[in-house]
Amino acid sequence: MSTLLLLTKHFPYNQGETAAESYLETEITYLAKSFDKVFVAATEAPVDRDLTCALPANVESVSLGCVQSKSQKIRAAVQGLCIPVAGTTSEKEAARSEHGLSTSRKLFQLYFIAKAQQKYKRLQRILADRGVNPTHLYSFWFFDTALVEAWMLQQFPNAIAVSRTHRYELYAERNKLNYLPLREYLLNAMNAVLPCSQDGTSYLQKRYPKYSEKLHTCYLGTRELPDKSAEIEGQVFQVVSCSRVVPVKRVSLLAQAMKILDQQENIHVRWTHYGDGSELDAVKSIASSYRHVQAVFPGNLANSALLNEYGDKHIDLFVNVSSSEGLPISIMEASGCGVPVLATDVGGTHEIVQSGYNGELLDEHVDARTVAAKIYAYISLPRSRKEQYRTAAREMWKEHFRTASNVQTLLQKMHQ
């Protein structure tokens, strides 16, 4: 019997903490059809949380409860310090696999290993109690859950192990230490590692050429989406953005751009931002001064509810001004509905947004005035040009970012 063990942070108990895992709400259907049984371990979800999405009949899930609270992080840090002396054989082996680390990097490495060990021990007990013997292992993140997966291979040596990788756990430069733990240790353990963009694949192949044959671009995607590319804009120009409201996403920059746009007397714009986070109050404060731009903040929505909103409402332009990305699912979702995109050229974003075709790319260090000018320029385009952008957005999605097509790469690597 084929049994897949899927390691996540919060799916299927996600309440907005891990936005990228909303993708799994679609992918899980394809995984369920490809394996006799699927067991999902949400490693960081509270143990008492209810499911936030429906699962196929042959999919079982559990939350490990390794919530990333301050006390949990302190506990992992202390445990990490003990690894060189009192760690398990697996922990010591992982720690010794990297040499010449600075003190700060070594401390991060030990914390990383201890954090993985907490998850591994809880998962090991649960699998034993429930009689789960995986034939395939799949980590959605190339981080501590990938290390859990590597250790699982010691218990299930014939299992096939794959991991996706996205942004924060792919690009070392995006880490303040310019370092991500155990890259070669993990690459060596996996049968395949699947970056979500060609940019990510090229990055890893350049840094770790020894493992190039294990690296394969595997785009994420969306469920089937309604084609709204032929819709005609209304009296109010509808701008949508969707992300966590945290520093890296720079929603405040977009809010400032809207403030500049608001100075135009002859525009009627409604900006809707979906998502929540630490900077939401600051963003709302900026928006409170608008006179002509209407700002709406619905907060976090379940992925199915969000896509229903996209299907029910007209959207003229989707905007993402993040300072760092893998390849945003949020852009795939907008593009699938035939919505042109204005986005910063970071990570693999250029693989879905092409300037002059289905949207416009912005410099990573763009300022609010430039963002405002680009939005105003798009508003001012003739209808025929906007129609071309909308048709191209839908075509980009149809050709490259449908889960039904892209999931086949993942399944091929699992079943090779």
Foldseek 3Di string as FASTA:
>chain_A
DAEEEEEAQAPQLDPFPDVVCLLVLVVQVVVVVLGVAYEYENEAHQQPGDGPHDHDPRYHYGYLNCHPDPVSLVVLLVQLVCCVPDNDPLLNVQLVPDPDDDPVVSSVQSSQSSSLVSSLVSVVVVCVVVVPQHQEYEYAAPGSVLSSVLVVCVVVVNHAYEYEHKWPQQQLVVDPVSDGGDPVVSLVSHQAYEYQAVLSLVVCCVVCVVSNVRYYHFHRFHAQAAAQLPPDDDQEAEEEEEDAPDDQQPVLQQLVLVQVLLPDPPHAYEYEYEAYYDCPVVSVVSVVPRDRYHYHYPHHDNPVVVRVVPRVDDHAEYETLGLATAADNVLLSCLQRLHAYEYEPHHRPCLLHDPQQQYHYDHSPDGSNVVNVRVVVSVPDDRVSSSRNSVRSNVSSVVPHHNVPSCVVVSVSNVD
